[in-house]
PDB file of N, CA and C in Angstrom:
ATOM      1  N   MET A   1      92.770  79.237 159.492  1.00  0.00           N
ATOM      2  CA  MET A   1      91.881  78.847 158.860  1.00  0.00           C
ATOM      3  C   MET A   1      90.445  79.484 159.153  1.00  0.00           C
ATOM      4  N   LYS A   2      89.568  79.977 158.475  1.00  0.00           N
ATOM      5  CA  LYS A   2      88.469  80.485 158.630  1.00  0.00           C
ATOM      6  C   LYS A   2      87.159  79.876 157.928  1.00  0.00           C
ATOM      7  N   MET A   3      86.126  79.975 158.398  1.00  0.00           N
ATOM      8  CA  MET A   3      85.080  79.907 158.126  1.00  0.00           C
ATOM      9  C   MET A   3      83.910  81.067 157.369  1.00  0.00           C
ATOM     10  N   ILE A   4      83.782  80.952 156.355  1.00  0.00           N
ATOM     11  CA  ILE A   4      82.641  82.013 155.514  1.00  0.00           C
ATOM     12  C   ILE A   4      81.063  81.292 155.936  1.00  0.00           C
ATOM     13  N   THR A   5      80.352  82.477 156.321  1.00  0.00           N
ATOM     14  CA  THR A   5      79.133  82.006 156.232  1.00  0.00           C
ATOM     15  C   THR A   5      78.210  82.720 155.007  1.00  0.00           C
ATOM     16  N   ALA A   6      77.782  82.749 154.417  1.00  0.00           N
ATOM     17  CA  ALA A   6      77.040  83.868 153.234  1.00  0.00           C
ATOM     18  C   ALA A   6      75.977  83.475 153.314  1.00  0.00           C
ATOM     19  N   ILE A   7      74.908  84.675 153.472  1.00  0.00           N
ATOM     20  CA  ILE A   7      73.219  84.616 153.254  1.00  0.00           C
ATOM     21  C   ILE A   7      72.741  85.086 152.171  1.00  0.00           C
ATOM     22  N   ILE A   8      72.832  84.830 151.138  1.00  0.00           N
ATOM     23  CA  ILE A   8      72.162  84.963 149.706  1.00  0.00           C
ATOM     24  C   ILE A   8      71.063  84.533 149.238  1.00  0.00           C
ATOM     25  N   LYS A   9      70.588  85.318 148.232  1.00  0.00           N
ATOM     26  CA  LYS A   9      69.486  84.994 147.350  1.00  0.00           C
ATOM     27  C   LYS A   9      69.647  84.083 146.540  1.00  0.00           C
ATOM     28  N   PRO A  10      68.300  82.936 146.852  1.00  0.00           N
ATOM     29  CA  PRO A  10      68.629  81.612 145.806  1.00  0.00           C
ATOM     30  C   PRO A  10      68.899  81.492 144.782  1.00  0.00           C
ATOM     31  N   PHE A  11      68.412  82.679 143.804  1.00  0.00           N
ATOM     32  CA  PHE A  11      68.751  82.521 142.512  1.00  0.00           C
ATOM     33  C   PHE A  11      70.399  83.094 142.006  1.00  0.00           C
ATOM     34  N   ARG A  12      71.036  83.426 143.193  1.00  0.00           N
ATOM     35  CA  ARG A  12      72.707  83.972 142.936  1.00  0.00           C
ATOM     36  C   ARG A  12      73.425  82.625 143.309  1.00  0.00           C
ATOM     37  N   LEU A  13      73.194  81.638 143.724  1.00  0.00           N
ATOM     38  CA  LEU A  13      73.647  80.654 144.177  1.00  0.00           C
ATOM     39  C   LEU A  13      74.711  80.162 143.253  1.00  0.00           C
ATOM     40  N   ASP A  14      74.552  79.538 141.924  1.00  0.00           N
ATOM     41  CA  ASP A  14      75.133  78.992 141.022  1.00  0.00           C
ATOM     42  C   ASP A  14      76.215  80.106 140.680  1.00  0.00           C
ATOM     43  N   ASP A  15      76.222  81.439 140.345  1.00  0.00           N
ATOM     44  CA  ASP A  15      76.853  82.244 140.590  1.00  0.00           C
ATOM     45  C   ASP A  15      78.203  82.217 141.530  1.00  0.00           C
ATOM     46  N   VAL A  16      77.787  82.490 142.772  1.00  0.00           N
ATOM     47  CA  VAL A  16      78.752  82.114 143.646  1.00  0.00           C
ATOM     48  C   VAL A  16      79.288  81.022 144.228  1.00  0.00           C
ATOM     49  N   ARG A  17      78.823  79.887 143.216  1.00  0.00           N
ATOM     50  CA  ARG A  17      79.839  78.297 143.331  1.00  0.00           C
ATOM     51  C   ARG A  17      80.798  78.441 142.070  1.00  0.00           C
ATOM     52  N   ALA A  18      80.351  79.237 140.871  1.00  0.00           N
ATOM     53  CA  ALA A  18      81.296  78.948 139.884  1.00  0.00           C
ATOM     54  C   ALA A  18      82.389  80.359 140.582  1.00  0.00           C
ATOM     55  N   ALA A  19      81.830  81.511 140.971  1.00  0.00           N
ATOM     56  CA  ALA A  19      82.927  82.466 141.367  1.00  0.00           C
ATOM     57  C   ALA A  19      84.017  81.366 142.608  1.00  0.00           C
ATOM     58  N   LEU A  20      83.940  80.829 143.430  1.00  0.00           N
ATOM     59  CA  LEU A  20      84.641  80.201 144.536  1.00  0.00           C
ATOM     60  C   LEU A  20      85.281  79.574 143.847  1.00  0.00           C
ATOM     61  N   ASN A  21      84.905  78.201 142.845  1.00  0.00           N
ATOM     62  CA  ASN A  21      85.364  77.566 142.272  1.00  0.00           C
ATOM     63  C   ASN A  21      86.596  77.954 140.943  1.00  0.00           C
ATOM     64  N   GLU A  22      86.397  79.392 140.767  1.00  0.00           N
ATOM     65  CA  GLU A  22      87.565  79.793 140.191  1.00  0.00           C
ATOM     66  C   GLU A  22      88.557  80.330 140.693  1.00  0.00           C
ATOM     67  N   LEU A  23      88.257  80.190 142.348  1.00  0.00           N
ATOM     68  CA  LEU A  23      89.820  80.352 143.339  1.00  0.00           C
ATOM     69  C   LEU A  23      90.261  79.102 143.556  1.00  0.00           C
ATOM     70  N   GLY A  24      89.582  77.873 143.408  1.00  0.00           N
ATOM     71  CA  GLY A  24      90.383  76.661 143.701  1.00  0.00           C
ATOM     72  C   GLY A  24      89.321  76.459 145.039  1.00  0.00           C
ATOM     73  N   VAL A  25      88.422  77.000 145.370  1.00  0.00           N
ATOM     74  CA  VAL A  25      87.741  76.265 146.480  1.00  0.00           C
ATOM     75  C   VAL A  25      86.856  74.968 146.181  1.00  0.00           C
ATOM     76  N   SER A  26      87.030  73.938 146.618  1.00  0.00           N
ATOM     77  CA  SER A  26      86.735  72.457 146.266  1.00  0.00           C
ATOM     78  C   SER A  26      85.569  72.064 147.477  1.00  0.00           C
ATOM     79  N   GLY A  27      84.737  72.766 148.027  1.00  0.00           N
ATOM     80  CA  GLY A  27      83.855  71.971 148.573  1.00  0.00           C
ATOM     81  C   GLY A  27      82.899  73.321 149.485  1.00  0.00           C
ATOM     82  N   MET A  28      81.630  73.331 149.526  1.00  0.00           N
ATOM     83  CA  MET A  28      80.931  74.027 150.330  1.00  0.00           C
ATOM     84  C   MET A  28      79.504  73.428 150.679  1.00  0.00           C
ATOM     85  N   THR A  29      79.170  73.860 151.888  1.00  0.00           N
ATOM     86  CA  THR A  29      77.936  73.109 152.455  1.00  0.00           C
ATOM     87  C   THR A  29      76.721  74.332 151.890  1.00  0.00           C
ATOM     88  N   VAL A  30      75.749  73.818 151.558  1.00  0.00           N
ATOM     89  CA  VAL A  30      74.304  74.657 151.290  1.00  0.00           C
ATOM     90  C   VAL A  30      73.238  74.533 151.930  1.00  0.00           C
ATOM     91  N   THR A  31      72.659  75.242 152.596  1.00  0.00           N
ATOM     92  CA  THR A  31      71.434  75.013 153.344  1.00  0.00           C
ATOM     93  C   THR A  31      70.445  76.114 152.752  1.00  0.00           C
ATOM     94  N   GLU A  32      69.289  75.740 152.536  1.00  0.00           N
ATOM     95  CA  GLU A  32      67.937  76.314 152.071  1.00  0.00           C
ATOM     96  C   GLU A  32      67.601  77.131 153.632  1.00  0.00           C
ATOM     97  N   VAL A  33      67.249  78.485 153.618  1.00  0.00           N
ATOM     98  CA  VAL A  33      67.129  79.089 155.092  1.00  0.00           C
ATOM     99  C   VAL A  33      66.207  80.055 154.653  1.00  0.00           C
ATOM    100  N   LYS A  34      65.169  80.579 155.913  1.00  0.00           N
ATOM    101  CA  LYS A  34      64.433  81.865 155.439  1.00  0.00           C
ATOM    102  C   LYS A  34      64.828  82.663 156.707  1.00  0.00           C
ATOM    103  N   GLY A  35      64.684  84.027 156.242  1.00  0.00           N
ATOM    104  CA  GLY A  35      65.185  85.186 156.914  1.00  0.00           C
ATOM    105  C   GLY A  35      64.710  86.451 156.692  1.00  0.00           C
ATOM    106  N   PHE A  36      64.904  87.315 158.009  1.00  0.00           N
ATOM    107  CA  PHE A  36      64.799  88.910 157.164  1.00  0.00           C
ATOM    108  C   PHE A  36      65.563  89.695 157.845  1.00  0.00           C
ATOM    109  N   GLY A  37      66.132  90.725 156.860  1.00  0.00           N
ATOM    110  CA  GLY A  37      66.680  92.329 157.721  1.00  0.00           C
ATOM    111  C   GLY A  37      66.000  93.192 157.453  1.00  0.00           C
ATOM    112  N   ARG A  38      66.654  94.082 157.228  1.00  0.00           N
ATOM    113  CA  ARG A  38      66.128  95.179 156.586  1.00  0.00           C
ATOM    114  C   ARG A  38      65.011  94.902 155.333  1.00  0.00           C
ATOM    115  N   GLN A  39      64.781  93.875 154.939  1.00  0.00           N
ATOM    116  CA  GLN A  39      64.252  93.617 153.769  1.00  0.00           C
ATOM    117  C   GLN A  39      62.708  93.528 154.383  1.00  0.00           C
ATOM    118  N   LYS A  40      62.554  93.204 155.539  1.00  0.00           N
ATOM    119  CA  LYS A  40      61.251  92.940 156.211  1.00  0.00           C
ATOM    120  C   LYS A  40      60.330  91.943 155.659  1.00  0.00           C
ATOM    121  N   GLY A  41      59.129  91.971 155.785  1.00  0.00           N
ATOM    122  CA  GLY A  41      58.156  91.012 155.219  1.00  0.00           C
ATOM    123  C   GLY A  41      57.427  91.685 154.583  1.00  0.00           C
ATOM    124  N   HIS A  42      56.543  91.313 153.526  1.00  0.00           N
ATOM    125  CA  HIS A  42      55.298  92.014 152.539  1.00  0.00           C
ATOM    126  C   HIS A  42      53.918  90.884 153.105  1.00  0.00           C
ATOM    127  N   THR A  43      53.043  91.601 152.642  1.00  0.00           N
ATOM    128  CA  THR A  43      51.957  91.255 152.600  1.00  0.00           C
ATOM    129  C   THR A  43      51.487  90.709 151.271  1.00  0.00           C
ATOM    130  N   GLU A  44      50.630  89.579 150.759  1.00  0.00           N
ATOM    131  CA  GLU A  44      50.450  88.635 149.446  1.00  0.00           C
ATOM    132  C   GLU A  44      49.351  88.364 149.935  1.00  0.00           C
ATOM    133  N   LEU A  45      48.496  88.390 148.483  1.00  0.00           N
ATOM    134  CA  LEU A  45      47.096  87.632 148.511  1.00  0.00           C
ATOM    135  C   LEU A  45      46.996  86.555 147.769  1.00  0.00           C
ATOM    136  N   TYR A  46      46.493  85.509 148.868  1.00  0.00           N
ATOM    137  CA  TYR A  46      46.126  84.015 148.056  1.00  0.00           C
ATOM    138  C   TYR A  46      45.110  83.602 148.447  1.00  0.00           C
ATOM    139  N   ARG A  47      44.409  83.401 147.351  1.00  0.00           N
ATOM    140  CA  ARG A  47      42.631  82.835 147.596  1.00  0.00           C
ATOM    141  C   ARG A  47      41.727  83.673 148.096  1.00  0.00           C
ATOM    142  N   GLY A  48      42.231  85.085 148.008  1.00  0.00           N
ATOM    143  CA  GLY A  48      41.484  85.667 148.670  1.00  0.00           C
ATOM    144  C   GLY A  48      41.586  86.313 149.708  1.00  0.00           C
ATOM    145  N   ALA A  49      42.309  85.724 150.604  1.00  0.00           N
ATOM    146  CA  ALA A  49      43.029  86.258 152.106  1.00  0.00           C
ATOM    147  C   ALA A  49      44.373  86.421 151.795  1.00  0.00           C
ATOM    148  N   GLU A  50      44.372  87.838 152.918  1.00  0.00           N
ATOM    149  CA  GLU A  50      45.417  88.286 152.834  1.00  0.00           C
ATOM    150  C   GLU A  50      46.900  87.652 153.975  1.00  0.00           C
ATOM    151  N   TYR A  51      47.938  87.615 153.875  1.00  0.00           N
ATOM    152  CA  TYR A  51      48.402  86.783 154.811  1.00  0.00           C
ATOM    153  C   TYR A  51      49.985  87.866 154.517  1.00  0.00           C
ATOM    154  N   THR A  52      50.716  88.119 155.557  1.00  0.00           N
ATOM    155  CA  THR A  52      51.985  88.601 155.933  1.00  0.00           C
ATOM    156  C   THR A  52      53.259  87.360 155.734  1.00  0.00           C
ATOM    157  N   VAL A  53      53.895  87.715 154.890  1.00  0.00           N
ATOM    158  CA  VAL A  53      54.969  86.948 154.656  1.00  0.00           C
ATOM    159  C   VAL A  53      56.227  87.521 155.626  1.00  0.00           C
ATOM    160  N   ASP A  54      56.567  86.749 156.720  1.00  0.00           N
ATOM    161  CA  ASP A  54      57.473  87.452 157.297  1.00  0.00           C
ATOM    162  C   ASP A  54      58.958  86.914 156.826  1.00  0.00           C
ATOM    163  N   PHE A  55      59.139  86.001 156.720  1.00  0.00           N
ATOM    164  CA  PHE A  55      60.886  85.406 156.453  1.00  0.00           C
ATOM    165  C   PHE A  55      60.570  85.309 154.965  1.00  0.00           C
ATOM    166  N   GLN A  56      62.081  85.809 154.555  1.00  0.00           N
ATOM    167  CA  GLN A  56      62.193  85.649 153.113  1.00  0.00           C
ATOM    168  C   GLN A  56      62.986  84.614 152.637  1.00  0.00           C
ATOM    169  N   PRO A  57      62.665  83.492 151.266  1.00  0.00           N
ATOM    170  CA  PRO A  57      63.824  82.236 151.361  1.00  0.00           C
ATOM    171  C   PRO A  57      64.928  82.637 151.112  1.00  0.00           C
ATOM    172  N   LYS A  58      65.934  82.135 151.677  1.00  0.00           N
ATOM    173  CA  LYS A  58      67.239  82.699 151.439  1.00  0.00           C
ATOM    174  C   LYS A  58      68.204  81.417 151.272  1.00  0.00           C
ATOM    175  N   VAL A  59      69.684  81.651 150.623  1.00  0.00           N
ATOM    176  CA  VAL A  59      70.402  79.917 150.922  1.00  0.00           C
ATOM    177  C   VAL A  59      71.622  80.550 151.753  1.00  0.00           C
ATOM    178  N   LYS A  60      72.028  79.823 152.207  1.00  0.00           N
ATOM    179  CA  LYS A  60      73.166  79.644 153.625  1.00  0.00           C
ATOM    180  C   LYS A  60      74.397  78.693 152.764  1.00  0.00           C
ATOM    181  N   VAL A  61      75.451  79.730 152.417  1.00  0.00           N
ATOM    182  CA  VAL A  61      76.667  78.771 151.776  1.00  0.00           C
ATOM    183  C   VAL A  61      77.693  79.183 153.017  1.00  0.00           C
ATOM    184  N   GLU A  62      78.244  77.658 153.309  1.00  0.00           N
ATOM    185  CA  GLU A  62      79.167  77.830 154.493  1.00  0.00           C
ATOM    186  C   GLU A  62      80.494  76.821 153.480  1.00  0.00           C
ATOM    187  N   VAL A  63      81.768  77.890 153.682  1.00  0.00           N
ATOM    188  CA  VAL A  63      82.889  77.664 153.157  1.00  0.00           C
ATOM    189  C   VAL A  63      83.983  77.416 154.359  1.00  0.00           C
ATOM    190  N   ALA A  64      85.121  76.451 154.318  1.00  0.00           N
ATOM    191  CA  ALA A  64      86.243  76.872 155.119  1.00  0.00           C
ATOM    192  C   ALA A  64      87.009  76.858 154.210  1.00  0.00           C
ATOM    193  N   ILE A  65      88.019  77.852 154.204  1.00  0.00           N
ATOM    194  CA  ILE A  65      89.242  78.205 153.387  1.00  0.00           C
ATOM    195  C   ILE A  65      90.502  78.646 154.169  1.00  0.00           C
ATOM    196  N   ASP A  66      91.604  78.661 153.737  1.00  0.00           N
ATOM    197  CA  ASP A  66      92.653  78.793 154.205  1.00  0.00           C
ATOM    198  C   ASP A  66      92.792  80.474 154.422  1.00  0.00           C
ATOM    199  N   SER A  67      93.446  80.957 155.105  1.00  0.00           N
ATOM    200  CA  SER A  67      93.489  82.330 155.807  1.00  0.00           C
ATOM    201  C   SER A  67      93.750  83.218 154.757  1.00  0.00           C
ATOM    202  N   PRO A  68      95.053  82.774 154.059  1.00  0.00           N
ATOM    203  CA  PRO A  68      95.464  83.747 152.919  1.00  0.00           C
ATOM    204  C   PRO A  68      94.339  83.775 151.822  1.00  0.00           C
ATOM    205  N   LEU A  69      93.680  83.466 151.444  1.00  0.00           N
ATOM    206  CA  LEU A  69      92.421  83.150 150.358  1.00  0.00           C
ATOM    207  C   LEU A  69      90.769  84.005 150.595  1.00  0.00           C
ATOM    208  N   LEU A  70      90.931  84.640 152.270  1.00  0.00           N
ATOM    209  CA  LEU A  70      90.142  84.984 152.896  1.00  0.00           C
ATOM    210  C   LEU A  70      89.175  86.243 151.929  1.00  0.00           C
ATOM    211  N   ASP A  71      90.157  87.306 151.870  1.00  0.00           N
ATOM    212  CA  ASP A  71      89.945  88.499 151.141  1.00  0.00           C
ATOM    213  C   ASP A  71      89.506  88.288 149.670  1.00  0.00           C
ATOM    214  N   GLN A  72      89.990  87.405 149.051  1.00  0.00           N
ATOM    215  CA  GLN A  72      89.415  86.784 147.613  1.00  0.00           C
ATOM    216  C   GLN A  72      88.330  86.355 147.961  1.00  0.00           C
ATOM    217  N   ALA A  73      88.233  84.904 148.394  1.00  0.00           N
ATOM    218  CA  ALA A  73      86.731  84.749 148.371  1.00  0.00           C
ATOM    219  C   ALA A  73      85.728  85.520 148.976  1.00  0.00           C
ATOM    220  N   ILE A  74      86.075  86.522 149.872  1.00  0.00           N
ATOM    221  CA  ILE A  74      84.647  87.481 150.261  1.00  0.00           C
ATOM    222  C   ILE A  74      84.777  88.255 148.827  1.00  0.00           C
ATOM    223  N   GLU A  75      85.187  88.771 148.042  1.00  0.00           N
ATOM    224  CA  GLU A  75      85.165  89.654 146.899  1.00  0.00           C
ATOM    225  C   GLU A  75      84.578  88.626 145.802  1.00  0.00           C
ATOM    226  N   ALA A  76      84.839  87.680 145.935  1.00  0.00           N
ATOM    227  CA  ALA A  76      84.152  86.674 144.971  1.00  0.00           C
ATOM    228  C   ALA A  76      82.659  86.376 144.897  1.00  0.00           C
ATOM    229  N   ILE A  77      82.298  86.010 146.323  1.00  0.00           N
ATOM    230  CA  ILE A  77      81.076  85.958 146.773  1.00  0.00           C
ATOM    231  C   ILE A  77      80.290  87.832 146.913  1.00  0.00           C
ATOM    232  N   MET A  78      81.005  88.778 146.961  1.00  0.00           N
ATOM    233  CA  MET A  78      80.183  89.666 146.997  1.00  0.00           C
ATOM    234  C   MET A  78      79.858  89.909 145.353  1.00  0.00           C
ATOM    235  N   GLY A  79      80.990  89.827 144.785  1.00  0.00           N
ATOM    236  CA  GLY A  79      80.578  90.064 143.203  1.00  0.00           C
ATOM    237  C   GLY A  79      79.989  89.325 142.455  1.00  0.00           C
ATOM    238  N   ALA A  80      79.569  88.110 142.588  1.00  0.00           N
ATOM    239  CA  ALA A  80      78.548  87.281 142.304  1.00  0.00           C
ATOM    240  C   ALA A  80      77.307  87.277 142.883  1.00  0.00           C
ATOM    241  N   ALA A  81      76.928  87.584 143.945  1.00  0.00           N
ATOM    242  CA  ALA A  81      75.671  87.669 144.872  1.00  0.00           C
ATOM    243  C   ALA A  81      75.020  88.989 144.907  1.00  0.00           C
ATOM    244  N   GLN A  82      75.657  90.278 144.556  1.00  0.00           N
ATOM    245  CA  GLN A  82      75.263  91.362 144.797  1.00  0.00           C
ATOM    246  C   GLN A  82      74.361  91.625 143.640  1.00  0.00           C
ATOM    247  N   THR A  83      73.354  92.334 143.887  1.00  0.00           N
ATOM    248  CA  THR A  83      72.148  92.870 142.947  1.00  0.00           C
ATOM    249  C   THR A  83      71.866  94.171 142.888  1.00  0.00           C
ATOM    250  N   GLY A  84      72.324  94.688 143.870  1.00  0.00           N
ATOM    251  CA  GLY A  84      72.169  96.109 144.095  1.00  0.00           C
ATOM    252  C   GLY A  84      71.073  96.701 145.142  1.00  0.00           C
ATOM    253  N   LYS A  85      70.494  95.170 145.566  1.00  0.00           N
ATOM    254  CA  LYS A  85      68.724  95.816 145.996  1.00  0.00           C
ATOM    255  C   LYS A  85      68.555  95.064 147.224  1.00  0.00           C
ATOM    256  N   VAL A  86      67.601  95.512 147.855  1.00  0.00           N
ATOM    257  CA  VAL A  86      67.774  95.330 149.550  1.00  0.00           C
ATOM    258  C   VAL A  86      67.074  93.537 149.815  1.00  0.00           C
ATOM    259  N   GLY A  87      68.440  92.956 150.439  1.00  0.00           N
ATOM    260  CA  GLY A  87      68.227  91.903 150.538  1.00  0.00           C
ATOM    261  C   GLY A  87      69.037  90.626 149.762  1.00  0.00           C
ATOM    262  N   ASP A  88      70.185  91.535 149.516  1.00  0.00           N
ATOM    263  CA  ASP A  88      71.243  90.777 148.871  1.00  0.00           C
ATOM    264  C   ASP A  88      72.326  89.777 150.083  1.00  0.00           C
ATOM    265  N   GLY A  89      71.998  90.135 151.239  1.00  0.00           N
ATOM    266  CA  GLY A  89      72.256  89.088 152.044  1.00  0.00           C
ATOM    267  C   GLY A  89      73.743  89.602 152.470  1.00  0.00           C
ATOM    268  N   LYS A  90      74.662  88.916 153.649  1.00  0.00           N
ATOM    269  CA  LYS A  90      75.125  89.291 154.660  1.00  0.00           C
ATOM    270  C   LYS A  90      76.806  88.259 154.748  1.00  0.00           C
ATOM    271  N   ILE A  91      77.881  88.417 154.879  1.00  0.00           N
ATOM    272  CA  ILE A  91      78.668  87.552 155.057  1.00  0.00           C
ATOM    273  C   ILE A  91      79.339  87.674 156.158  1.00  0.00           C
ATOM    274  N   PHE A  92      79.448  86.582 156.780  1.00  0.00           N
ATOM    275  CA  PHE A  92      79.927  86.258 158.202  1.00  0.00           C
ATOM    276  C   PHE A  92      81.421  85.892 158.436  1.00  0.00           C
ATOM    277  N   VAL A  93      82.126  86.132 159.005  1.00  0.00           N
ATOM    278  CA  VAL A  93      83.590  85.339 158.757  1.00  0.00           C
ATOM    279  C   VAL A  93      84.262  84.753 160.384  1.00  0.00           C
ATOM    280  N   SER A  94      84.225  83.504 160.360  1.00  0.00           N
ATOM    281  CA  SER A  94      84.872  83.131 161.834  1.00  0.00           C
ATOM    282  C   SER A  94      86.181  82.054 162.118  1.00  0.00           C
ATOM    283  N   ASN A  95      86.782  81.975 163.109  1.00  0.00           N
ATOM    284  CA  ASN A  95      87.908  81.396 163.191  1.00  0.00           C
ATOM    285  C   ASN A  95      87.406  80.012 163.145  1.00  0.00           C
ATOM    286  N   ILE A  96      88.485  78.851 162.923  1.00  0.00           N
ATOM    287  CA  ILE A  96      88.137  77.700 162.551  1.00  0.00           C
ATOM    288  C   ILE A  96      89.515  77.243 163.337  1.00  0.00           C
ATOM    289  N   GLU A  97      89.106  76.484 164.817  1.00  0.00           N
ATOM    290  CA  GLU A  97      90.309  76.068 165.479  1.00  0.00           C
ATOM    291  C   GLU A  97      91.218  74.569 164.919  1.00  0.00           C
ATOM    292  N   ASN A  98      90.306  73.605 164.390  1.00  0.00           N
ATOM    293  CA  ASN A  98      90.621  72.129 164.321  1.00  0.00           C
ATOM    294  C   ASN A  98      89.675  72.057 162.739  1.00  0.00           C
ATOM    295  N   VAL A  99      90.475  71.418 161.799  1.00  0.00           N
ATOM    296  CA  VAL A  99      89.394  70.739 160.961  1.00  0.00           C
ATOM    297  C   VAL A  99      90.245  69.253 161.097  1.00  0.00           C
ATOM    298  N   VAL A 100      89.255  68.086 160.789  1.00  0.00           N
ATOM    299  CA  VAL A 100      89.690  66.655 160.570  1.00  0.00           C
ATOM    300  C   VAL A 100      88.985  66.016 159.589  1.00  0.00           C
ATOM    301  N   ARG A 101      89.374  65.440 158.728  1.00  0.00           N
ATOM    302  CA  ARG A 101      89.007  64.836 157.553  1.00  0.00           C
ATOM    303  C   ARG A 101      88.472  63.220 158.283  1.00  0.00           C
ATOM    304  N   ILE A 102      87.254  63.204 158.451  1.00  0.00           N
ATOM    305  CA  ILE A 102      86.861  61.378 158.998  1.00  0.00           C
ATOM    306  C   ILE A 102      87.293  60.415 158.479  1.00  0.00           C
ATOM    307  N   ARG A 103      87.552  60.448 157.201  1.00  0.00           N
ATOM    308  CA  ARG A 103      87.915  59.193 156.511  1.00  0.00           C
ATOM    309  C   ARG A 103      89.186  58.813 156.692  1.00  0.00           C
ATOM    310  N   THR A 104      90.015  59.868 156.494  1.00  0.00           N
ATOM    311  CA  THR A 104      91.658  59.329 156.296  1.00  0.00           C
ATOM    312  C   THR A 104      92.393  60.211 158.000  1.00  0.00           C
ATOM    313  N   GLY A 105      91.387  61.021 158.785  1.00  0.00           N
ATOM    314  CA  GLY A 105      92.183  61.208 160.108  1.00  0.00           C
ATOM    315  C   GLY A 105      92.823  62.577 159.427  1.00  0.00           C
ATOM    316  N   GLU A 106      93.172  63.255 158.414  1.00  0.00           N
ATOM    317  CA  GLU A 106      94.293  64.081 157.689  1.00  0.00           C
ATOM    318  C   GLU A 106      93.574  65.611 158.669  1.00  0.00           C
ATOM    319  N   LEU A 107      94.338  66.277 159.054  1.00  0.00           N
ATOM    320  CA  LEU A 107      94.265  67.523 160.186  1.00  0.00           C
ATOM    321  C   LEU A 107      94.224  68.703 159.537  1.00  0.00           C
ATOM    322  N   ASP A 108      93.125  69.783 160.077  1.00  0.00           N
ATOM    323  CA  ASP A 108      93.396  71.281 159.383  1.00  0.00           C
ATOM    324  C   ASP A 108      93.635  71.803 157.894  1.00  0.00           C
ATOM    325  N   ASN A 109      94.976  72.175 157.730  1.00  0.00           N
ATOM    326  CA  ASN A 109      94.879  72.527 156.237  1.00  0.00           C
ATOM    327  C   ASN A 109      94.921  70.920 155.097  1.00  0.00           C
ATOM    328  N   ASP A 110      95.305  70.226 155.844  1.00  0.00           N
ATOM    329  CA  ASP A 110      95.454  68.806 154.666  1.00  0.00           C
ATOM    330  C   ASP A 110      93.756  68.643 154.819  1.00  0.00           C
ATOM    331  N   ALA A 111      93.248  68.559 155.431  1.00  0.00           N
ATOM    332  CA  ALA A 111      91.621  68.191 155.589  1.00  0.00           C
ATOM    333  C   ALA A 111      91.108  69.081 154.500  1.00  0.00           C
ATOM    334  N   LEU A 112      91.423  70.264 154.735  1.00  0.00           N
ATOM    335  CA  LEU A 112      90.317  70.990 153.327  1.00  0.00           C
ATOM    336  C   LEU A 112      90.582  70.472 152.120  1.00  0.00           C
TER     337      LEU A 112
END
């Protein structure tokens, strides 16, 4: 089992969700986050005062999947999230040792 964590632009979330649903991914966790990488910050003017915006709004999507779906899921996320501009985001993949569904006590793949 794998955990995919994707940091994407907020307006691409619906496309990513739809792409993962087509693969049969039934659940995900979405968190609004802020961050920066190569995109860095920028300066804005608000009511005559100039200030620096260091962190860009992003969305973190977390999906636990069975290992055979990993490559398809990554391609689906990339295809749906990519705009071709700086700041499209990143995808991180990590191993999951155990999963337990709290309600039923099901384990691992059955809990997904």
